[in-house]
C-alpha cells in the first residue's frame, strides 16, 4: 500500500478518498458507514463529525511502541485547535477485546482533552476492518503477543467527509504540514 502525504501549499488540497470502479471510472467516496461505541458508551457514527474537519487514527491503549508518541502529537494538535469547534480527533481502537469502553474512558481522560474534541471509539472486528478500508490503512495482530502492526499515519478528513491527506505523526515536518492543512480546511 502506498501512502500519499499532502504537499500542497495552496488553498486547495487533493481529494484522496477515491478508487476505480469495475467500469474503470474514478469514484470519489465519503467516509461514512462508521458504527462504533465511544468512551462514554454512546453510539458513534458519521453524524458525530458532520460539518467537521477531523483527523482519524488507529491505535490501541496497550501499544508499547508508536502509540505513546502518536498520543503526544495528537495532544499538541488538539491544544493548537482547541478553540476551533469544527475540528475533532477520532481515535479508533484496533484492540476491541481489551479496549473496553471503561479502558477507553480512562485513556481519554489521561489526554486532558475534552471528549467532545477527541473521541475514542471501539467496535467489532468487522466494523474496524471496514473503517480501515475506508481510511486506506490496515492493521494486524502480531502472533503470541499483545502488539499489533499498524501505521503511524493519520487521515485528514474535510467537512464533506473526503480524505484530504495522510500524515505521519512521528515526522515533525509531516505534523507541521498537517496543521497547515487543517487551517486551510477550517477556512
Foldseek 3Di string as FASTA:
>chain_A
DDFFFWPDPDLDFDFDQWDQDPVRDIDFDFPFPQWWAWLVRHTDTPVLLAQAKEKEEEDAPVAPPCVVLLLVLVLVLCVVCVVPLRYAYEYEYPCPVPCDSPNRNVVVVVSVHDCSRYIYTYDDNVSVVVNCVSQVWDKADDPPDRHIDGAQWMFIAANRRTTRGIFRSVDVVRSVVVSSNSVSRSD
